[in-house]
């Protein structure tokens, strides 16, 4: 990181920490003391006299049991990262099916954010049912030219705008994979909040797939970590590969305690976050129109989860600086950082609505938009 980038990051952290109006609390703004305070509270709720963990027993095993119960699977295994969980899941299925080809979206996490590990570490190959910025269709899966062993579906597809299929489309997508004699793995890092759009409970959603990965920090506010859930034999094999990948950690009770707290406190609130995200998205669109912005896009127009994208026709650095100045000068964080994606002169950001954003009214959102546009 350059000195200039470091200074900008320090400005952002200070502005985010000092803001009094936010839609969510950014993770970099949390101090060590604040995180330890939350962890102490989680330990009190769990039982401070209960055993911690050694190589996955104690509180870690309790977390695994809780996840399997919530998802309706036979077993679940804790992983220190979602990347490791995904790599192990897809490697195990390739071994079981005898086919190293994984069908997935080019914007899915393994292709975008895992450093090419599927091929470099596991020797797997990928094929794409579609390159459109949406979920693939059942017909596109049926029409794939090569036989594939696993269909991986990211729910929601984050880099396409946190988009989900409807329930009937998801059922058809899974059925198409079965017709191709493939297994189905759900990248459910954000599966927790997908129940609203899909209109089904977690066990019914997870039950469509052969295995599911879930994250503990993306939506639940945990420290880190993930779980891989599925049939008992599959999860037992995944634990073997977890050890081989360096994921058999001596102590992980802080991550497990934070995850249990998230399941207890944040999981029940996620539907309210989704509802409020839809209020915020509509008000953002109204605010940009009122401010005379020549072009904008809120995507999806009606968010599928509590996260969505906003696109504007300006350079990313210009928008990031305007967002930072708004936080510094008004104490309001409407947007965080922006980045270029697609056509020149167009930038995108992600908006997430959590507890702090629940009391924003449409009028307050529109007013914040007006303040932001004035700084662009």
Protein backbone atom coordinates (compact mmCIF):
# COMPACT_ATOMS: atom_id res chain seq x y z
CA UNK A 1 0.00 0.00 0.00
CA UNK A 2 1.36 3.41 -0.98
CA UNK A 3 1.62 6.29 1.50
CA UNK A 4 -1.24 8.06 -0.28
CA UNK A 5 -3.47 4.97 -0.11
CA UNK A 6 -2.60 4.53 3.56
CA UNK A 7 -3.55 8.11 4.35
CA UNK A 8 -6.84 7.73 2.48
CA UNK A 9 -7.62 4.55 4.41
CA UNK A 10 -6.87 6.32 7.68
CA UNK A 11 -9.24 9.14 6.64
CA UNK A 12 -11.96 6.64 5.84
CA UNK A 13 -11.57 4.75 9.10
CA UNK A 14 -11.68 7.97 11.12
CA UNK A 15 -14.72 9.25 9.20
CA UNK A 16 -16.60 5.97 9.49
CA UNK A 17 -15.88 5.71 13.21
CA UNK A 18 -17.02 9.27 13.81
CA UNK A 19 -20.20 9.09 11.74
CA UNK A 20 -23.53 9.25 13.55
CA UNK A 21 -25.77 8.28 10.57
CA UNK A 22 -24.92 5.04 8.79
CA UNK A 23 -26.77 2.29 6.96
CA UNK A 24 -24.29 -0.23 8.37
CA UNK A 25 -21.17 -0.21 10.49
CA UNK A 26 -18.14 -0.88 8.29
CA UNK A 27 -15.91 -3.68 9.56
CA UNK A 28 -12.68 -1.61 9.33
CA UNK A 29 -14.19 0.92 11.73
CA UNK A 30 -14.35 -1.54 14.63
CA UNK A 31 -11.62 -1.20 17.27
CA UNK A 32 -9.89 -4.06 19.08
CA UNK A 33 -11.59 -3.01 22.30
CA UNK A 34 -15.04 -3.03 20.71
CA UNK A 35 -14.51 -6.47 19.23
CA UNK A 36 -13.27 -7.85 22.55
CA UNK A 37 -16.28 -6.34 24.32
CA UNK A 38 -18.65 -8.09 21.92
CA UNK A 39 -16.73 -11.32 22.34
CA UNK A 40 -16.99 -11.06 26.11
CA UNK A 41 -20.75 -10.67 25.76
CA UNK A 42 -20.90 -13.70 23.48
CA UNK A 43 -18.91 -15.75 26.01
CA UNK A 44 -21.33 -14.72 28.75
CA UNK A 45 -24.31 -15.83 26.68
CA UNK A 46 -22.69 -19.16 25.81
CA UNK A 47 -21.49 -19.90 29.34
CA UNK A 48 -18.05 -18.66 30.46
CA UNK A 49 -17.41 -21.81 32.47
CA UNK A 50 -18.05 -24.16 29.55
CA UNK A 51 -15.04 -25.65 27.70
CA UNK A 52 -13.54 -23.57 24.90
CA UNK A 53 -12.12 -25.81 22.16
CA UNK A 54 -9.11 -27.87 21.16
CA UNK A 55 -8.89 -28.89 17.52
CA UNK A 56 -12.62 -28.48 16.90
CA UNK A 57 -14.35 -29.76 20.00
CA UNK A 58 -16.19 -27.71 22.64
CA UNK A 59 -17.78 -24.53 21.35
CA UNK A 60 -16.71 -25.24 17.76
CA UNK A 61 -18.55 -28.56 17.80
CA UNK A 62 -21.56 -26.80 19.30
CA UNK A 63 -21.52 -24.33 16.41
CA UNK A 64 -21.36 -27.19 13.90
CA UNK A 65 -24.37 -28.86 15.51
CA UNK A 66 -26.29 -25.60 15.43
CA UNK A 67 -25.59 -25.01 11.73
CA UNK A 68 -26.61 -28.54 10.76
CA UNK A 69 -29.84 -28.05 12.72
CA UNK A 70 -30.60 -24.71 11.05
CA UNK A 71 -29.91 -26.03 7.55
CA UNK A 72 -31.52 -29.42 8.08
CA UNK A 73 -28.40 -31.36 7.08
CA UNK A 74 -26.90 -34.44 8.67
CA UNK A 75 -23.61 -32.77 9.54
CA UNK A 76 -21.62 -29.53 9.28
CA UNK A 77 -17.91 -28.75 9.64
CA UNK A 78 -16.36 -25.44 10.67
CA UNK A 79 -13.72 -23.95 8.36
CA UNK A 80 -11.44 -20.98 9.06
CA UNK A 81 -12.40 -19.41 5.71
CA UNK A 82 -15.07 -19.72 3.07
CA UNK A 83 -12.43 -20.06 0.36
CA UNK A 84 -11.10 -23.20 2.03
CA UNK A 85 -14.62 -24.59 2.49
CA UNK A 86 -15.43 -24.04 -1.20
CA UNK A 87 -12.16 -25.56 -2.41
CA UNK A 88 -12.62 -28.64 -0.24
CA UNK A 89 -16.28 -29.09 -1.21
CA UNK A 90 -15.63 -28.93 -4.95
CA UNK A 91 -12.54 -31.13 -4.66
CA UNK A 92 -14.47 -33.78 -2.73
CA UNK A 93 -17.29 -33.82 -5.26
CA UNK A 94 -14.82 -34.07 -8.15
CA UNK A 95 -13.32 -37.14 -6.51
CA UNK A 96 -16.71 -38.70 -5.87
CA UNK A 97 -18.11 -38.04 -9.35
CA UNK A 98 -14.87 -38.71 -11.19
CA UNK A 99 -15.36 -35.47 -13.13
CA UNK A 100 -13.13 -32.41 -12.46
CA UNK A 101 -15.33 -29.99 -14.45
CA UNK A 102 -17.35 -27.52 -12.36
CA UNK A 103 -20.19 -25.54 -13.94
CA UNK A 104 -20.51 -22.10 -12.35
CA UNK A 105 -20.97 -18.42 -13.14
CA UNK A 106 -17.86 -16.45 -14.18
CA UNK A 107 -18.75 -13.85 -11.52
CA UNK A 108 -18.92 -16.47 -8.78
CA UNK A 109 -16.56 -16.34 -5.80
CA UNK A 110 -14.12 -19.07 -6.92
CA UNK A 111 -13.55 -17.27 -10.22
CA UNK A 112 -13.39 -13.73 -8.81
CA UNK A 113 -11.89 -13.93 -5.34
CA UNK A 114 -10.04 -17.20 -4.76
CA UNK A 115 -6.86 -16.62 -6.76
CA UNK A 116 -7.47 -19.36 -9.31
CA UNK A 117 -7.22 -21.99 -6.56
CA UNK A 118 -9.65 -24.40 -8.21
CA UNK A 119 -7.12 -25.14 -10.95
CA UNK A 120 -3.87 -24.26 -9.16
CA UNK A 121 -4.55 -26.24 -5.98
CA UNK A 122 -7.15 -28.83 -6.89
CA UNK A 123 -6.62 -29.36 -10.60
CA UNK A 124 -10.26 -28.63 -11.41
CA UNK A 125 -11.64 -26.93 -14.52
CA UNK A 126 -14.64 -24.63 -14.91
CA UNK A 127 -17.30 -24.05 -17.53
CA UNK A 128 -19.90 -21.27 -17.70
CA UNK A 129 -23.60 -21.79 -18.41
CA UNK A 130 -23.86 -18.03 -19.07
CA UNK A 131 -21.76 -14.87 -18.99
CA UNK A 132 -24.77 -12.60 -18.45
CA UNK A 133 -24.91 -10.68 -15.15
CA UNK A 134 -27.68 -12.88 -13.77
CA UNK A 135 -28.24 -16.38 -12.48
CA UNK A 136 -28.00 -19.15 -15.12
CA UNK A 137 -31.17 -20.78 -16.39
CA UNK A 138 -32.06 -24.46 -16.41
CA UNK A 139 -31.90 -24.58 -20.21
CA UNK A 140 -28.39 -23.10 -20.19
CA UNK A 141 -27.28 -25.85 -17.79
CA UNK A 142 -28.89 -28.52 -19.96
CA UNK A 143 -27.15 -27.13 -23.05
CA UNK A 144 -23.60 -27.15 -21.69
CA UNK A 145 -21.43 -28.90 -24.25
CA UNK A 146 -19.24 -30.93 -21.87
CA UNK A 147 -20.29 -33.33 -19.14
CA UNK A 148 -19.68 -31.72 -15.74
CA UNK A 149 -19.52 -33.28 -12.32
CA UNK A 150 -20.74 -30.40 -10.15
CA UNK A 151 -23.01 -27.41 -10.61
CA UNK A 152 -22.10 -24.65 -8.17
CA UNK A 153 -24.75 -21.96 -7.61
CA UNK A 154 -23.90 -18.81 -5.64
CA UNK A 155 -26.93 -17.63 -3.65
CA UNK A 156 -27.10 -14.69 -4.02
CA UNK A 157 -24.66 -13.92 -6.87
CA UNK A 158 -22.83 -11.04 -5.23
CA UNK A 159 -20.89 -9.56 -8.16
CA UNK A 160 -23.98 -9.46 -10.36
CA UNK A 161 -25.82 -7.37 -7.76
CA UNK A 162 -26.68 -9.90 -5.03
CA UNK A 163 -29.22 -11.46 -7.37
CA UNK A 164 -31.26 -14.58 -6.70
CA UNK A 165 -33.47 -16.76 -8.87
CA UNK A 166 -37.07 -17.21 -7.79
CA UNK A 167 -37.85 -20.49 -6.05
CA UNK A 168 -39.28 -22.18 -9.14
CA UNK A 169 -36.22 -21.15 -11.18
CA UNK A 170 -33.91 -22.58 -8.52
CA UNK A 171 -35.80 -25.87 -8.47
CA UNK A 172 -35.57 -26.08 -12.27
CA UNK A 173 -31.86 -25.23 -12.17
CA UNK A 174 -31.15 -28.06 -9.73
CA UNK A 175 -33.31 -30.48 -11.73
CA UNK A 176 -31.35 -29.62 -14.88
CA UNK A 177 -28.12 -30.53 -13.10
CA UNK A 178 -29.64 -33.83 -11.97
CA UNK A 179 -30.62 -34.56 -15.56
CA UNK A 180 -26.94 -34.13 -16.43
CA UNK A 181 -26.05 -36.58 -13.62
CA UNK A 182 -24.22 -33.85 -11.71
CA UNK A 183 -24.22 -32.98 -8.02
CA UNK A 184 -25.19 -29.51 -6.81
CA UNK A 185 -23.23 -27.31 -4.39
CA UNK A 186 -24.61 -24.03 -3.08
CA UNK A 187 -22.21 -21.20 -2.33
CA UNK A 188 -24.47 -19.87 0.39
CA UNK A 189 -22.13 -17.33 1.95
CA UNK A 190 -25.18 -15.06 2.11
CA UNK A 191 -27.80 -17.78 2.16
CA UNK A 192 -29.05 -16.62 5.57
CA UNK A 193 -30.82 -13.57 4.09
CA UNK A 194 -32.06 -15.32 0.93
CA UNK A 195 -35.16 -16.78 2.59
CA UNK A 196 -37.19 -13.60 2.02
CA UNK A 197 -36.85 -13.53 -1.78
CA UNK A 198 -37.03 -17.30 -2.18
CA UNK A 199 -40.00 -17.55 0.15
CA UNK A 200 -38.75 -20.77 1.73
CA UNK A 201 -37.10 -21.66 5.07
CA UNK A 202 -33.41 -22.50 5.26
CA UNK A 203 -33.81 -26.31 5.43
CA UNK A 204 -35.96 -26.36 2.30
CA UNK A 205 -33.46 -24.23 0.40
CA UNK A 206 -30.44 -26.21 1.58
CA UNK A 207 -32.31 -29.44 0.89
CA UNK A 208 -32.17 -28.81 -2.85
CA UNK A 209 -28.38 -29.13 -2.88
CA UNK A 210 -25.95 -31.94 -2.10
CA UNK A 211 -23.79 -29.56 -0.03
CA UNK A 212 -23.96 -25.98 1.19
CA UNK A 213 -21.36 -23.51 2.41
CA UNK A 214 -22.36 -20.64 4.72
CA UNK A 215 -20.35 -17.71 6.09
CA UNK A 216 -20.38 -16.37 9.64
CA UNK A 217 -19.10 -12.83 9.06
CA UNK A 218 -20.70 -11.57 5.85
CA UNK A 219 -24.24 -11.24 7.21
CA UNK A 220 -24.05 -12.43 10.81
CA UNK A 221 -21.35 -10.02 11.99
CA UNK A 222 -18.95 -12.73 13.13
CA UNK A 223 -15.18 -12.43 13.27
CA UNK A 224 -14.45 -14.91 10.46
CA UNK A 225 -15.07 -18.50 9.49
CA UNK A 226 -17.54 -20.63 7.58
CA UNK A 227 -19.26 -23.99 7.64
CA UNK A 228 -19.67 -26.71 5.06
CA UNK A 229 -22.86 -28.74 5.50
CA UNK A 230 -24.21 -31.87 3.88
CA UNK A 231 -24.44 -35.67 4.24
CA UNK A 232 -22.41 -37.15 7.11
CA UNK A 233 -20.02 -39.13 4.91
CA UNK A 234 -19.29 -36.12 2.72
CA UNK A 235 -18.61 -33.85 5.70
CA UNK A 236 -16.34 -36.48 7.29
CA UNK A 237 -14.31 -36.54 4.07
CA UNK A 238 -14.28 -32.72 4.02
CA UNK A 239 -12.77 -32.74 7.52
CA UNK A 240 -9.89 -34.88 6.22
CA UNK A 241 -9.20 -32.38 3.44
CA UNK A 242 -9.61 -29.47 5.88
CA UNK A 243 -6.68 -30.89 7.83
CA UNK A 244 -4.63 -31.30 4.64
CA UNK A 245 -5.35 -27.69 3.65
CA UNK A 246 -4.10 -26.43 7.03
CA UNK A 247 -7.53 -25.75 8.49
CA UNK A 248 -7.28 -27.94 11.60
CA UNK A 249 -6.61 -25.04 13.98
CA UNK A 250 -5.68 -25.56 17.64
CA UNK A 251 -8.13 -22.96 19.03
CA UNK A 252 -10.99 -21.18 17.26
CA UNK A 253 -13.34 -20.34 20.12
CA UNK A 254 -13.39 -16.56 19.39
CA UNK A 255 -14.70 -17.20 15.87
CA UNK A 256 -17.16 -19.84 17.10
CA UNK A 257 -18.52 -17.66 19.91
CA UNK A 258 -18.99 -14.71 17.54
CA UNK A 259 -20.74 -16.98 15.02
CA UNK A 260 -23.12 -18.36 17.66
CA UNK A 261 -23.91 -14.81 18.75
CA UNK A 262 -24.64 -13.89 15.14
CA UNK A 263 -26.99 -16.83 14.72
CA UNK A 264 -28.80 -15.83 17.90
CA UNK A 265 -28.94 -12.05 17.37
CA UNK A 266 -28.52 -11.18 13.69
CA UNK A 267 -30.17 -14.11 11.91
CA UNK A 268 -33.68 -13.28 13.18
CA UNK A 269 -33.23 -9.65 12.11
CA UNK A 270 -32.19 -10.30 8.52
CA UNK A 271 -35.75 -10.19 7.10
CA UNK A 272 -36.17 -6.69 8.56
CA UNK A 273 -32.89 -5.66 6.92
CA UNK A 274 -34.16 -6.91 3.55
CA UNK A 275 -37.41 -4.98 3.94
CA UNK A 276 -35.56 -1.79 4.86
CA UNK A 277 -33.11 -2.24 1.97
CA UNK A 278 -36.06 -2.08 -0.39
CA UNK A 279 -37.20 1.18 1.21
CA UNK A 280 -33.69 2.61 0.92
CA UNK A 281 -33.27 1.50 -2.71
CA UNK A 282 -36.50 3.17 -3.76
CA UNK A 283 -35.58 6.38 -1.92
CA UNK A 284 -32.10 6.41 -3.50
CA UNK A 285 -33.62 6.24 -6.98
CA UNK A 286 -36.02 9.06 -6.11
CA UNK A 287 -33.17 11.11 -4.69
CA UNK A 288 -30.97 10.76 -7.77
CA UNK A 289 -33.90 11.72 -10.01
CA UNK A 290 -34.68 14.77 -7.88
CA UNK A 291 -31.00 15.78 -7.89
CA UNK A 292 -30.92 15.72 -11.69
CA UNK A 293 -28.29 13.00 -12.03
CA UNK A 294 -28.13 12.35 -15.80
CA UNK A 295 -28.11 8.55 -15.43
CA UNK A 296 -28.15 6.12 -12.54
CA UNK A 297 -29.03 2.54 -11.78
CA UNK A 298 -30.12 0.87 -8.57
CA UNK A 299 -29.72 -2.85 -9.13
CA UNK A 300 -31.82 -4.83 -8.52
CA UNK A 301 -34.49 -2.15 -8.57
CA UNK A 302 -36.18 -4.11 -5.79
CA UNK A 303 -33.29 -5.72 -3.85
CA UNK A 304 -33.36 -9.48 -3.44
CA UNK A 305 -31.46 -9.27 -0.14
CA UNK A 306 -30.35 -6.45 2.19
CA UNK A 307 -27.51 -5.65 -0.25
CA UNK A 308 -27.61 -4.17 -3.73
CA UNK A 309 -25.59 -2.13 -6.23
CA UNK A 310 -25.73 1.53 -7.24
CA UNK A 311 -24.23 2.70 -10.55
CA UNK A 312 -23.43 6.33 -11.42
CA UNK A 313 -21.86 8.02 -14.50
CA UNK A 314 -18.75 9.42 -12.80
CA UNK A 315 -15.19 8.30 -12.15
CA UNK A 316 -14.82 6.02 -9.16
CA UNK A 317 -12.22 8.19 -7.39
CA UNK A 318 -14.49 11.22 -7.66
CA UNK A 319 -17.40 9.37 -6.09
CA UNK A 320 -15.27 7.80 -3.35
CA UNK A 321 -13.93 11.21 -2.40
CA UNK A 322 -17.45 12.68 -2.33
CA UNK A 323 -18.62 9.85 -0.07
CA UNK A 324 -15.65 10.39 2.25
CA UNK A 325 -16.20 14.15 2.41
CA UNK A 326 -19.88 13.62 3.21
CA UNK A 327 -18.89 11.41 6.12
CA UNK A 328 -16.28 13.89 7.36
CA UNK A 329 -18.40 17.02 6.95
CA UNK A 330 -21.88 15.80 7.89
CA UNK A 331 -21.32 12.63 9.92
CA UNK A 332 -23.47 10.69 7.44
CA UNK A 333 -22.20 7.63 5.58
CA UNK A 334 -24.48 6.95 2.65
CA UNK A 335 -21.90 5.20 0.47
CA UNK A 336 -18.47 3.73 1.08
CA UNK A 337 -15.94 3.14 -1.72
CA UNK A 338 -16.70 3.06 -5.44
CA UNK A 339 -14.87 1.24 -8.23
CA UNK A 340 -14.86 1.11 -12.03
CA UNK A 341 -16.72 -1.82 -13.57
CA UNK A 342 -17.78 -1.88 -17.19
CA UNK A 343 -17.96 1.18 -19.42
CA UNK A 344 -15.43 4.02 -18.96
CA UNK A 345 -16.70 6.82 -16.74
CA UNK A 346 -19.14 4.56 -14.89
CA UNK A 347 -18.62 3.40 -11.31
CA UNK A 348 -20.44 1.07 -8.94
CA UNK A 349 -20.75 0.63 -5.20
CA UNK A 350 -22.52 -1.80 -2.91
CA UNK A 351 -25.11 -0.70 -0.37
CA UNK A 352 -25.76 -2.83 2.71
CA UNK A 353 -28.53 -2.15 5.21
CA UNK A 354 -28.22 -3.58 8.72
CA UNK A 355 -29.37 -2.56 12.20
CA UNK A 356 -28.12 1.05 12.12
CA UNK A 357 -30.05 1.65 8.90
CA UNK A 358 -33.44 0.48 10.11
CA UNK A 359 -34.61 3.89 11.30
CA UNK A 360 -33.73 5.81 8.11
CA UNK A 361 -36.86 7.32 6.55
CA UNK A 362 -37.23 7.81 2.78
CA UNK A 363 -36.99 11.56 3.35
CA UNK A 364 -33.67 11.15 5.16
CA UNK A 365 -32.31 8.97 2.36
CA UNK A 366 -33.31 11.51 -0.29
CA UNK A 367 -31.76 14.34 1.73
CA UNK A 368 -28.51 12.39 2.07
CA UNK A 369 -28.51 11.77 -1.68
CA UNK A 370 -28.85 15.51 -2.32
CA UNK A 371 -25.92 16.24 -0.02
CA UNK A 372 -23.81 13.56 -1.71
CA UNK A 373 -24.55 14.72 -5.26
CA UNK A 374 -23.63 18.29 -4.29
CA UNK A 375 -20.15 17.05 -3.38
CA UNK A 376 -19.58 15.06 -6.58
